[in-house]
C-alpha atoms as a PDB file:
ATOM      1  CA  MET A   1     -31.344   9.868 -13.796  1.00  0.00           C
ATOM      2  CA  ASN A   2     -33.697  11.165 -15.389  1.00  0.00           C
ATOM      3  CA  ALA A   3     -37.649  10.843 -14.945  1.00  0.00           C
ATOM      4  CA  ARG A   4     -37.815   9.324 -18.821  1.00  0.00           C
ATOM      5  CA  THR A   5     -35.149   7.011 -17.702  1.00  0.00           C
ATOM      6  CA  MET A   6     -36.829   5.958 -14.129  1.00  0.00           C
ATOM      7  CA  ILE A   7     -40.103   4.933 -15.678  1.00  0.00           C
ATOM      8  CA  GLU A   8     -38.721   3.039 -18.191  1.00  0.00           C
ATOM      9  CA  LYS A   9     -36.796   1.195 -15.840  1.00  0.00           C
ATOM     10  CA  THR A  10     -39.338   0.587 -13.794  1.00  0.00           C
ATOM     11  CA  MET A  11     -41.872  -0.822 -16.286  1.00  0.00           C
ATOM     12  CA  ASN A  12     -39.185  -2.860 -18.125  1.00  0.00           C
ATOM     13  CA  ALA A  13     -36.575  -3.808 -15.655  1.00  0.00           C
ATOM     14  CA  ARG A  14     -37.429  -6.996 -13.256  1.00  0.00           C
ATOM     15  CA  MET A  15     -35.843  -9.196 -10.833  1.00  0.00           C
ATOM     16  CA  ASN A  16     -36.015 -12.932  -9.732  1.00  0.00           C
ATOM     17  CA  ASP A  17     -35.384 -13.366  -5.483  1.00  0.00           C
ATOM     18  CA  LYS A  18     -33.978 -16.899  -4.600  1.00  0.00           C
ATOM     19  CA  LYS A  19     -37.429 -18.438  -4.369  1.00  0.00           C
ATOM     20  CA  GLY A  20     -37.850 -17.464  -7.993  1.00  0.00           C
ATOM     21  CA  ASN A  21     -40.435 -15.444  -7.921  1.00  0.00           C
ATOM     22  CA  THR A  22     -40.768 -12.413 -10.137  1.00  0.00           C
ATOM     23  CA  ARG A  23     -41.302  -9.242  -8.953  1.00  0.00           C
ATOM     24  CA  LEU A  24     -40.336  -5.264  -9.670  1.00  0.00           C
ATOM     25  CA  ILE A  25     -36.853  -4.166  -8.744  1.00  0.00           C
ATOM     26  CA  ARG A  26     -38.806  -1.784  -6.489  1.00  0.00           C
ATOM     27  CA  PRO A  27     -42.383  -0.323  -7.019  1.00  0.00           C
ATOM     28  CA  VAL A  28     -40.863   3.565  -8.409  1.00  0.00           C
ATOM     29  CA  LEU A  29     -42.807   4.086 -11.125  1.00  0.00           C
ATOM     30  CA  THR A  30     -45.290   6.538  -9.142  1.00  0.00           C
ATOM     31  CA  ALA A  31     -41.518   8.347  -7.972  1.00  0.00           C
ATOM     32  CA  ALA A  32     -40.832   8.383 -11.557  1.00  0.00           C
ATOM     33  CA  LEU A  33     -44.124   9.817 -12.229  1.00  0.00           C
ATOM     34  CA  LEU A  34     -43.694  12.205  -9.147  1.00  0.00           C
ATOM     35  CA  ALA A  35     -39.635  13.176 -10.071  1.00  0.00           C
ATOM     36  CA  GLY A  36     -41.377  14.233 -13.796  1.00  0.00           C
ATOM     37  CA  LEU A  37     -42.839  17.225 -12.480  1.00  0.00           C
ATOM     38  CA  ALA A  38     -39.606  18.321 -11.593  1.00  0.00           C
ATOM     39  CA  VAL A  39     -37.090  17.753 -14.259  1.00  0.00           C
ATOM     40  CA  LEU A  40     -39.249  17.448 -16.920  1.00  0.00           C
ATOM     41  CA  GLN A  41     -39.071  21.243 -17.826  1.00  0.00           C
ATOM     42  CA  GLY A  42     -35.694  21.469 -17.872  1.00  0.00           C
ATOM     43  CA  CYS A  43     -35.410  17.781 -20.122  1.00  0.00           C
ATOM     44  CA  SER A  44     -37.597  19.629 -22.839  1.00  0.00           C
ATOM     45  CA  GLY A  45     -38.313  23.435 -23.597  1.00  0.00           C
ATOM     46  CA  GLU A  46     -41.754  22.367 -25.420  1.00  0.00           C
ATOM     47  CA  ARG A  47     -43.609  20.417 -22.467  1.00  0.00           C
ATOM     48  CA  ASP A  48     -44.045  21.939 -19.208  1.00  0.00           C
ATOM     49  CA  PRO A  49     -45.258  19.360 -16.111  1.00  0.00           C
ATOM     50  CA  ALA A  50     -48.720  20.582 -16.530  1.00  0.00           C
ATOM     51  CA  SER A  51     -49.323  19.348 -19.978  1.00  0.00           C
ATOM     52  CA  LEU A  52     -48.957  15.370 -18.417  1.00  0.00           C
ATOM     53  CA  PHE A  53     -50.529  15.775 -15.270  1.00  0.00           C
ATOM     54  CA  GLY A  54     -52.542  18.543 -14.869  1.00  0.00           C
ATOM     55  CA  PRO A  55     -52.059  22.432 -13.163  1.00  0.00           C
ATOM     56  CA  THR A  56     -48.818  21.931 -10.871  1.00  0.00           C
ATOM     57  CA  GLU A  57     -50.687  23.691  -7.569  1.00  0.00           C
ATOM     58  CA  ARG A  58     -53.542  20.643  -7.893  1.00  0.00           C
ATOM     59  CA  VAL A  59     -52.387  17.755  -6.044  1.00  0.00           C
ATOM     60  CA  THR A  60     -52.943  14.135  -8.210  1.00  0.00           C
ATOM     61  CA  ILE A  61     -53.185  10.842  -6.282  1.00  0.00           C
ATOM     62  CA  VAL A  62     -50.291   8.552  -8.257  1.00  0.00           C
ATOM     63  CA  VAL A  63     -51.122   4.659  -7.984  1.00  0.00           C
ATOM     64  CA  ASP A  64     -48.567   2.034  -8.369  1.00  0.00           C
ATOM     65  CA  ALA A  65     -50.131  -1.802  -8.293  1.00  0.00           C
ATOM     66  CA  VAL A  66     -49.837  -4.300 -10.494  1.00  0.00           C
ATOM     67  CA  LEU A  67     -51.068  -7.924 -10.366  1.00  0.00           C
ATOM     68  CA  TYR A  68     -49.753 -10.803 -11.290  1.00  0.00           C
ATOM     69  CA  VAL A  69     -51.860 -13.893 -12.168  1.00  0.00           C
ATOM     70  CA  ASP A  70     -50.989 -16.990  -9.723  1.00  0.00           C
ATOM     71  CA  ARG A  71     -48.992 -14.903  -7.568  1.00  0.00           C
ATOM     72  CA  ALA A  72     -49.961 -13.339  -4.050  1.00  0.00           C
ATOM     73  CA  LEU A  73     -51.597  -9.491  -4.263  1.00  0.00           C
ATOM     74  CA  PRO A  74     -49.362  -7.176  -4.337  1.00  0.00           C
ATOM     75  CA  GLU A  75     -47.763  -4.677  -2.356  1.00  0.00           C
ATOM     76  CA  ILE A  76     -49.449  -0.876  -3.325  1.00  0.00           C
ATOM     77  CA  ILE A  77     -47.691   2.332  -3.553  1.00  0.00           C
ATOM     78  CA  VAL A  78     -49.790   5.274  -3.240  1.00  0.00           C
ATOM     79  CA  THR A  79     -48.308   8.943  -3.244  1.00  0.00           C
ATOM     80  CA  ARG A  80     -49.335  12.596  -4.626  1.00  0.00           C
ATOM     81  CA  THR A  81     -47.937  14.903  -6.919  1.00  0.00           C
ATOM     82  CA  ARG A  82     -46.266  18.004  -5.864  1.00  0.00           C
ATOM     83  CA  ALA A  83     -45.353  20.980  -7.839  1.00  0.00           C
ATOM     84  CA  ALA A  84     -42.151  21.467  -9.481  1.00  0.00           C
ATOM     85  CA  ASN A  85     -40.548  24.107  -7.358  1.00  0.00           C
ATOM     86  CA  ILE A  86     -41.384  21.999  -4.119  1.00  0.00           C
ATOM     87  CA  GLU A  87     -38.145  19.535  -3.169  1.00  0.00           C
ATOM     88  CA  PHE A  88     -39.127  16.185  -4.126  1.00  0.00           C
ATOM     89  CA  THR A  89     -38.574  13.288  -1.079  1.00  0.00           C
ATOM     90  CA  GLU A  90     -39.984   9.988  -0.727  1.00  0.00           C
ATOM     91  CA  GLU A  91     -41.570  10.847   2.562  1.00  0.00           C
ATOM     92  CA  GLY A  92     -43.001  14.458   1.289  1.00  0.00           C
ATOM     93  CA  VAL A  93     -45.459  12.706  -1.316  1.00  0.00           C
ATOM     94  CA  SER A  94     -46.247   9.660   0.610  1.00  0.00           C
ATOM     95  CA  VAL A  95     -50.114   8.525   0.948  1.00  0.00           C
ATOM     96  CA  ASN A  96     -50.344   6.961   4.299  1.00  0.00           C
ATOM     97  CA  ASP A  97     -53.201   7.629   5.350  1.00  0.00           C
ATOM     98  CA  ALA A  98     -55.461   6.139   2.732  1.00  0.00           C
ATOM     99  CA  GLU A  99     -58.070   3.443   2.628  1.00  0.00           C
ATOM    100  CA  VAL A 100     -56.814   0.836  -0.263  1.00  0.00           C
ATOM    101  CA  THR A 101     -59.191  -2.313  -1.001  1.00  0.00           C
ATOM    102  CA  VAL A 102     -58.815  -4.529  -3.363  1.00  0.00           C
ATOM    103  CA  LEU A 103     -62.531  -6.140  -5.151  1.00  0.00           C
ATOM    104  CA  GLN A 104     -62.657  -9.514  -6.799  1.00  0.00           C
ATOM    105  CA  GLY A 105     -66.987  -9.955  -7.034  1.00  0.00           C
ATOM    106  CA  LEU A 106     -68.201  -9.945  -3.902  1.00  0.00           C
ATOM    107  CA  ALA A 107     -64.720 -10.509  -1.766  1.00  0.00           C
ATOM    108  CA  GLU A 108     -63.062  -7.160  -0.774  1.00  0.00           C
ATOM    109  CA  TYR A 109     -59.579  -7.256   0.440  1.00  0.00           C
ATOM    110  CA  ARG A 110     -58.889  -4.458   2.821  1.00  0.00           C
ATOM    111  CA  TYR A 111     -55.019  -3.412   2.701  1.00  0.00           C
ATOM    112  CA  LYS A 112     -53.203  -1.637   5.519  1.00  0.00           C
ATOM    113  CA  SER A 113     -50.667   0.948   5.567  1.00  0.00           C
ATOM    114  CA  VAL A 114     -46.755  -0.068   6.719  1.00  0.00           C
ATOM    115  CA  GLY A 115     -46.790   3.677   8.071  1.00  0.00           C
ATOM    116  CA  HIS A 116     -44.282   5.174   5.922  1.00  0.00           C
ATOM    117  CA  LEU A 117     -43.286   5.755   1.948  1.00  0.00           C
ATOM    118  CA  GLY A 118     -47.243   5.562   0.892  1.00  0.00           C
ATOM    119  CA  ARG A 119     -46.794   1.093   1.006  1.00  0.00           C
ATOM    120  CA  TYR A 120     -49.828  -0.694   1.834  1.00  0.00           C
ATOM    121  CA  ILE A 121     -49.649  -4.413   1.932  1.00  0.00           C
ATOM    122  CA  PRO A 122     -52.574  -6.722   1.281  1.00  0.00           C
ATOM    123  CA  PRO A 123     -54.459  -8.899   4.221  1.00  0.00           C
ATOM    124  CA  PRO A 124     -52.717 -12.133   5.556  1.00  0.00           C
ATOM    125  CA  GLY A 125     -53.870 -15.330   4.006  1.00  0.00           C
ATOM    126  CA  SER A 126     -55.483 -13.405   0.842  1.00  0.00           C
ATOM    127  CA  PRO A 127     -55.870 -15.762  -2.178  1.00  0.00           C
ATOM    128  CA  LYS A 128     -53.643 -15.661  -5.403  1.00  0.00           C
ATOM    129  CA  VAL A 129     -54.438 -13.775  -8.339  1.00  0.00           C
ATOM    130  CA  ARG A 130     -56.586 -15.798 -10.794  1.00  0.00           C
ATOM    131  CA  PRO A 131     -56.755 -15.797 -14.385  1.00  0.00           C
ATOM    132  CA  ASN A 132     -59.466 -13.709 -16.898  1.00  0.00           C
ATOM    133  CA  THR A 133     -60.506 -12.319 -13.286  1.00  0.00           C
ATOM    134  CA  GLU A 134     -61.481  -8.666 -13.097  1.00  0.00           C
ATOM    135  CA  TYR A 135     -60.035  -6.779 -10.360  1.00  0.00           C
ATOM    136  CA  ARG A 136     -61.007  -3.084  -9.154  1.00  0.00           C
ATOM    137  CA  LEU A 137     -59.070  -0.925  -6.605  1.00  0.00           C
ATOM    138  CA  ARG A 138     -60.602   1.621  -4.638  1.00  0.00           C
ATOM    139  CA  VAL A 139     -58.344   3.737  -3.223  1.00  0.00           C
ATOM    140  CA  ARG A 140     -60.132   6.493  -0.768  1.00  0.00           C
ATOM    141  CA  ALA A 141     -57.410   9.397   0.677  1.00  0.00           C
ATOM    142  CA  PRO A 142     -58.173  12.668   1.852  1.00  0.00           C
ATOM    143  CA  ASP A 143     -56.948  13.916  -1.210  1.00  0.00           C
ATOM    144  CA  GLY A 144     -59.300  12.243  -3.392  1.00  0.00           C
ATOM    145  CA  GLU A 145     -60.483   8.952  -3.937  1.00  0.00           C
ATOM    146  CA  VAL A 146     -59.028   7.076  -7.003  1.00  0.00           C
ATOM    147  CA  LEU A 147     -60.851   4.117  -8.975  1.00  0.00           C
ATOM    148  CA  GLY A 148     -59.768   1.277 -11.642  1.00  0.00           C
ATOM    149  CA  VAL A 149     -60.499  -1.742 -12.993  1.00  0.00           C
ATOM    150  CA  THR A 150     -58.228  -4.527 -14.790  1.00  0.00           C
ATOM    151  CA  LYS A 151     -59.392  -8.167 -16.265  1.00  0.00           C
ATOM    152  CA  THR A 152     -56.228 -10.265 -15.671  1.00  0.00           C
ATOM    153  CA  PRO A 153     -54.907 -12.370 -18.526  1.00  0.00           C
ATOM    154  CA  GLY A 154     -55.138 -15.890 -19.281  1.00  0.00           C
ATOM    155  CA  ARG A 155     -51.730 -17.722 -18.189  1.00  0.00           C
ATOM    156  CA  ILE A 156     -48.623 -18.002 -20.180  1.00  0.00           C
ATOM    157  CA  ALA A 157     -47.572 -21.391 -21.056  1.00  0.00           C
ATOM    158  CA  LEU A 158     -44.537 -21.861 -23.397  1.00  0.00           C
ATOM    159  CA  ASP A 159     -44.763 -24.555 -25.151  1.00  0.00           C
ATOM    160  CA  GLU A 160     -41.729 -24.252 -26.891  1.00  0.00           C
ATOM    161  CA  ILE A 161     -37.610 -22.474 -27.078  1.00  0.00           C
ATOM    162  CA  ALA A 162     -35.708 -23.175 -30.496  1.00  0.00           C
ATOM    163  CA  ILE A 163     -32.909 -21.906 -31.510  1.00  0.00           C
ATOM    164  CA  VAL A 164     -33.667 -21.602 -35.241  1.00  0.00           C
ATOM    165  CA  GLU A 165     -31.825 -20.606 -38.671  1.00  0.00           C
ATOM    166  CA  GLU A 166     -31.709 -17.294 -39.392  1.00  0.00           C
ATOM    167  CA  THR A 167     -32.896 -17.095 -42.807  1.00  0.00           C
ATOM    168  CA  SER A 168     -34.736 -20.381 -43.378  1.00  0.00           C
ATOM    169  CA  MET A 169     -36.082 -20.504 -39.340  1.00  0.00           C
ATOM    170  CA  GLU A 170     -35.325 -24.158 -39.243  1.00  0.00           C
ATOM    171  CA  VAL A 171     -35.407 -25.442 -36.108  1.00  0.00           C
ATOM    172  CA  ILE A 172     -31.483 -26.306 -35.164  1.00  0.00           C
ATOM    173  CA  ARG A 173     -32.114 -27.531 -31.783  1.00  0.00           C
ATOM    174  CA  ARG A 174     -34.403 -27.025 -28.589  1.00  0.00           C
ATOM    175  CA  PHE A 175     -34.256 -25.925 -25.149  1.00  0.00           C
ATOM    176  CA  GLU A 176     -35.146 -27.542 -21.747  1.00  0.00           C
ATOM    177  CA  PRO A 177     -37.400 -25.270 -19.786  1.00  0.00           C
ATOM    178  CA  GLU A 178     -36.866 -26.357 -16.843  1.00  0.00           C
ATOM    179  CA  SER A 179     -32.748 -26.292 -17.302  1.00  0.00           C
ATOM    180  CA  THR A 180     -30.644 -23.129 -17.373  1.00  0.00           C
ATOM    181  CA  ARG A 181     -27.709 -24.912 -17.368  1.00  0.00           C
ATOM    182  CA  GLN A 182     -28.453 -27.403 -19.899  1.00  0.00           C
ATOM    183  CA  ASN A 183     -29.527 -24.696 -22.195  1.00  0.00           C
ATOM    184  CA  GLN A 184     -26.033 -23.651 -23.891  1.00  0.00           C
ATOM    185  CA  VAL A 185     -26.181 -21.317 -26.858  1.00  0.00           C
ATOM    186  CA  THR A 186     -22.792 -20.109 -28.647  1.00  0.00           C
ATOM    187  CA  TYR A 187     -22.798 -16.469 -29.123  1.00  0.00           C
ATOM    188  CA  ARG A 188     -24.843 -14.966 -32.110  1.00  0.00           C
ATOM    189  CA  GLU A 189     -25.901 -18.500 -33.161  1.00  0.00           C
ATOM    190  CA  GLY A 190     -29.153 -18.680 -35.034  1.00  0.00           C
ATOM    191  CA  LEU A 191     -32.171 -16.749 -33.689  1.00  0.00           C
ATOM    192  CA  ILE A 192     -33.927 -17.801 -30.077  1.00  0.00           C
ATOM    193  CA  GLU A 193     -37.965 -18.090 -30.513  1.00  0.00           C
ATOM    194  CA  ILE A 194     -40.266 -18.247 -27.981  1.00  0.00           C
ATOM    195  CA  ARG A 195     -43.254 -20.395 -28.855  1.00  0.00           C
ATOM    196  CA  PHE A 196     -46.827 -20.701 -27.105  1.00  0.00           C
ATOM    197  CA  GLU A 197     -50.320 -20.754 -27.592  1.00  0.00           C
ATOM    198  CA  PRO A 198     -51.992 -17.619 -28.066  1.00  0.00           C
ATOM    199  CA  LEU A 199     -53.852 -15.314 -25.186  1.00  0.00           C
ATOM    200  CA  ASP A 200     -56.574 -12.790 -25.675  1.00  0.00           C
ATOM    201  CA  VAL A 201     -54.288  -9.810 -25.099  1.00  0.00           C
ATOM    202  CA  GLU A 202     -53.294  -6.806 -26.536  1.00  0.00           C
ATOM    203  CA  ALA A 203     -49.628  -7.095 -26.173  1.00  0.00           C
ATOM    204  CA  TYR A 204     -46.388  -9.330 -25.009  1.00  0.00           C
ATOM    205  CA  GLN A 205     -43.571  -7.700 -23.367  1.00  0.00           C
ATOM    206  CA  VAL A 206     -39.785  -9.884 -22.721  1.00  0.00           C
ATOM    207  CA  VAL A 207     -37.886  -8.743 -20.180  1.00  0.00           C
ATOM    208  CA  VAL A 208     -34.147  -9.971 -20.261  1.00  0.00           C
ATOM    209  CA  LEU A 209     -32.174 -10.480 -16.940  1.00  0.00           C
ATOM    210  CA  GLU A 210     -28.737 -10.353 -16.605  1.00  0.00           C
ATOM    211  CA  GLY A 211     -25.879 -11.119 -13.477  1.00  0.00           C
ATOM    212  CA  GLU A 212     -26.332  -7.630 -11.817  1.00  0.00           C
ATOM    213  CA  PRO A 213     -29.603  -6.286 -11.293  1.00  0.00           C
ATOM    214  CA  ASP A 214     -28.592  -2.833 -13.425  1.00  0.00           C
ATOM    215  CA  ASP A 215     -27.778  -5.213 -16.560  1.00  0.00           C
ATOM    216  CA  GLU A 216     -31.530  -5.547 -17.496  1.00  0.00           C
ATOM    217  CA  GLY A 217     -33.734  -4.828 -20.532  1.00  0.00           C
ATOM    218  CA  GLY A 218     -37.157  -5.076 -21.710  1.00  0.00           C
ATOM    219  CA  SER A 219     -38.940  -4.825 -24.814  1.00  0.00           C
ATOM    220  CA  PRO A 220     -41.616  -2.527 -25.467  1.00  0.00           C
ATOM    221  CA  PRO A 221     -44.955  -3.937 -25.905  1.00  0.00           C
ATOM    222  CA  LEU A 222     -45.357  -6.831 -28.648  1.00  0.00           C
ATOM    223  CA  GLU A 223     -47.775  -8.354 -30.875  1.00  0.00           C
ATOM    224  CA  ALA A 224     -47.400 -11.778 -31.456  1.00  0.00           C
ATOM    225  CA  ARG A 225     -50.725 -13.372 -32.709  1.00  0.00           C
ATOM    226  CA  ASP A 226     -48.910 -16.289 -33.824  1.00  0.00           C
ATOM    227  CA  GLY A 227     -47.684 -17.475 -30.605  1.00  0.00           C
ATOM    228  CA  ARG A 228     -44.491 -16.804 -31.674  1.00  0.00           C
ATOM    229  CA  LEU A 229     -41.561 -14.150 -30.320  1.00  0.00           C
ATOM    230  CA  LEU A 230     -38.064 -13.963 -31.637  1.00  0.00           C
ATOM    231  CA  LEU A 231     -35.242 -12.722 -29.208  1.00  0.00           C
ATOM    232  CA  PRO A 232     -32.479 -10.811 -31.066  1.00  0.00           C
ATOM    233  CA  TRP A 233     -28.896 -10.718 -29.798  1.00  0.00           C
ATOM    234  CA  PHE A 234     -28.395  -7.051 -29.698  1.00  0.00           C
ATOM    235  CA  ALA A 235     -31.142  -8.030 -26.885  1.00  0.00           C
ATOM    236  CA  ILE A 236     -28.734 -10.127 -24.742  1.00  0.00           C
ATOM    237  CA  GLY A 237     -25.666  -8.311 -24.790  1.00  0.00           C
ATOM    238  CA  SER A 238     -23.224 -10.105 -23.310  1.00  0.00           C
ATOM    239  CA  PHE A 239     -21.651 -13.970 -22.206  1.00  0.00           C
ATOM    240  CA  GLY A 240     -23.200 -15.888 -19.225  1.00  0.00           C
ATOM    241  CA  GLU A 241     -26.425 -17.365 -17.642  1.00  0.00           C
ATOM    242  CA  HIS A 242     -29.816 -15.480 -18.689  1.00  0.00           C
ATOM    243  CA  GLN A 243     -33.094 -15.531 -17.412  1.00  0.00           C
ATOM    244  CA  VAL A 244     -36.477 -14.389 -19.706  1.00  0.00           C
ATOM    245  CA  GLU A 245     -39.542 -13.454 -18.436  1.00  0.00           C
ATOM    246  CA  VAL A 246     -42.231 -13.533 -20.892  1.00  0.00           C
ATOM    247  CA  TYR A 247     -45.396 -10.838 -19.832  1.00  0.00           C
ATOM    248  CA  ALA A 248     -48.962 -11.493 -21.464  1.00  0.00           C
ATOM    249  CA  LEU A 249     -50.306  -7.858 -21.069  1.00  0.00           C
ATOM    250  CA  ASP A 250     -53.754  -6.870 -19.823  1.00  0.00           C
ATOM    251  CA  ARG A 251     -54.764  -3.151 -21.706  1.00  0.00           C
ATOM    252  CA  ASN A 252     -53.952  -0.928 -18.793  1.00  0.00           C
ATOM    253  CA  LEU A 253     -50.343  -2.504 -18.332  1.00  0.00           C
ATOM    254  CA  PHE A 254     -50.407  -1.992 -22.992  1.00  0.00           C
ATOM    255  CA  ASP A 255     -51.573   1.396 -22.569  1.00  0.00           C
ATOM    256  CA  PHE A 256     -48.993   2.546 -19.991  1.00  0.00           C
ATOM    257  CA  LEU A 257     -46.413   1.071 -21.534  1.00  0.00           C
ATOM    258  CA  ARG A 258     -46.740   1.634 -25.095  1.00  0.00           C
ATOM    259  CA  SER A 259     -47.651   6.052 -24.149  1.00  0.00           C
ATOM    260  CA  VAL A 260     -44.861   6.496 -21.869  1.00  0.00           C
ATOM    261  CA  GLU A 261     -42.196   8.325 -23.441  1.00  0.00           C
ATOM    262  CA  ALA A 262     -39.047   6.506 -24.258  1.00  0.00           C
ATOM    263  CA  SER A 263     -35.464   8.364 -23.318  1.00  0.00           C
ATOM    264  CA  GLY A 264     -33.664   6.814 -25.945  1.00  0.00           C
ATOM    265  CA  GLN A 265     -33.471   3.602 -26.912  1.00  0.00           C
ATOM    266  CA  ASN A 266     -34.186   0.499 -24.733  1.00  0.00           C
ATOM    267  CA  ALA A 267     -32.274  -2.863 -24.342  1.00  0.00           C
ATOM    268  CA  PHE A 268     -33.898  -3.837 -27.775  1.00  0.00           C
ATOM    269  CA  GLY A 269     -33.423  -1.078 -29.714  1.00  0.00           C
ATOM    270  CA  PHE A 270     -36.380   0.055 -30.995  1.00  0.00           C
ATOM    271  CA  GLY A 271     -39.820   2.156 -29.359  1.00  0.00           C
ATOM    272  CA  SER A 272     -43.255   1.201 -28.887  1.00  0.00           C
ATOM    273  CA  LEU A 273     -45.666  -0.196 -31.686  1.00  0.00           C
ATOM    274  CA  ALA A 274     -45.995   1.347 -35.243  1.00  0.00           C
ATOM    275  CA  GLY A 275     -48.033   4.072 -35.125  1.00  0.00           C
ATOM    276  CA  ASP A 276     -47.835   4.707 -31.609  1.00  0.00           C
ATOM    277  CA  THR A 277     -48.273   8.170 -31.164  1.00  0.00           C
ATOM    278  CA  PHE A 278     -49.395   9.847 -27.829  1.00  0.00           C
ATOM    279  CA  GLU A 279     -48.734  13.377 -26.518  1.00  0.00           C
ATOM    280  CA  ARG A 280     -48.954  12.096 -22.635  1.00  0.00           C
ATOM    281  CA  PRO A 281     -49.355   8.907 -20.667  1.00  0.00           C
ATOM    282  CA  VAL A 282     -52.454   6.657 -20.746  1.00  0.00           C
ATOM    283  CA  PHE A 283     -52.931   5.585 -16.889  1.00  0.00           C
ATOM    284  CA  ASN A 284     -56.459   4.485 -17.532  1.00  0.00           C
ATOM    285  CA  LEU A 285     -57.457   4.978 -13.527  1.00  0.00           C
ATOM    286  CA  ASP A 286     -60.319   7.473 -12.629  1.00  0.00           C
ATOM    287  CA  GLY A 287     -59.333  10.054 -10.076  1.00  0.00           C
ATOM    288  CA  GLY A 288     -55.722   9.616 -10.230  1.00  0.00           C
ATOM    289  CA  ILE A 289     -52.943   8.739 -12.854  1.00  0.00           C
ATOM    290  CA  GLY A 290     -50.474   5.947 -12.365  1.00  0.00           C
ATOM    291  CA  VAL A 291     -50.833   2.395 -13.082  1.00  0.00           C
ATOM    292  CA  PHE A 292     -53.364  -0.562 -12.174  1.00  0.00           C
ATOM    293  CA  GLY A 293     -52.780  -3.430 -13.997  1.00  0.00           C
ATOM    294  CA  SER A 294     -51.879  -7.307 -14.672  1.00  0.00           C
ATOM    295  CA  ALA A 295     -50.118  -9.349 -16.228  1.00  0.00           C
ATOM    296  CA  SER A 296     -49.655 -13.360 -16.641  1.00  0.00           C
ATOM    297  CA  VAL A 297     -45.733 -14.360 -16.689  1.00  0.00           C
ATOM    298  CA  ALA A 298     -43.593 -17.012 -17.599  1.00  0.00           C
ATOM    299  CA  THR A 299     -40.113 -17.709 -17.712  1.00  0.00           C
ATOM    300  CA  PHE A 300     -36.869 -19.416 -18.808  1.00  0.00           C
ATOM    301  CA  GLY A 301     -33.030 -19.429 -18.787  1.00  0.00           C
ATOM    302  CA  PHE A 302     -29.926 -20.367 -21.272  1.00  0.00           C
ATOM    303  CA  VAL A 303     -26.500 -19.825 -20.792  1.00  0.00           C
ATOM    304  CA  VAL A 304     -24.600 -17.406 -23.744  1.00  0.00           C
ATOM    305  CA  LEU A 305     -21.347 -19.273 -24.391  1.00  0.00           C
ATOM    306  CA  PRO A 306     -17.900 -17.395 -26.670  1.00  0.00           C
ATOM    307  CA  ARG A 307     -17.453 -18.368 -29.692  1.00  0.00           C
ATOM    308  CA  ASN A 308     -14.343 -20.405 -29.086  1.00  0.00           C
ATOM    309  CA  ARG A 309     -16.331 -22.299 -26.933  1.00  0.00           C
ATOM    310  CA  SER A 310     -18.503 -25.780 -27.147  1.00  0.00           C
ATOM    311  CA  GLY A 311     -21.689 -27.022 -25.170  1.00  0.00           C
END
């Protein structure tokens, strides 16, 4: 798997644990960026690592942290870049001696290193992430200091999930938001439309989760100023049970997702928002690269039946 694919899978692929908590499969954004130093030169003769991250001899701190509204403060990963001619290992790039702090108003949450892989965990008893709230990140490491700011989106609530007729857009029937098994739809029957109260955010992202961890795909950032998103059938791709997660993105995640080069087509079959052109990823961090962003999320599920079956 090349670095671009790793970046796309990291930001687009998510899974639910048995408690229903939404989480990244694993925080490998840092690994993707670092591996990119070693492989991008081989992938493209027109770009070298310095064009993305600066001179290869300079160490750059890499941060991976995404806050989810109404969820616990997340684990934070801190690593460093290495030159393209040095073999990449997770331990070799890990930063385990940094001071990592998340600040919200007058409150400071000092993270603790677990001692390996650059992983830092929040202090016990930390409150859940609030909507419409500014959080600041401060990472002090031997190689430098990284600062970031995110304002969390408001809570996203799905008002209606409906199967609509493809041409007239008239509602055929509605899903029950709390019941996956009752939401049965025959393959290619109409279109699935998600309706919600629009938030004051730059864009949304839709992630489709299937039975296997690798059978996942996410959209690019999508505008939905009218509070409506269509789920095309080619984004679903198979029969059986599906979970859909709708994310409202803060500015930092929005900029990162739309600026990272896509490794071919994603599950939705198209790239970033029309008109987006970037020569390098947008990180919105002072003193380092990576992402310190936030999102709110709403979920629903449904079951796709083959054409020769009825509900």
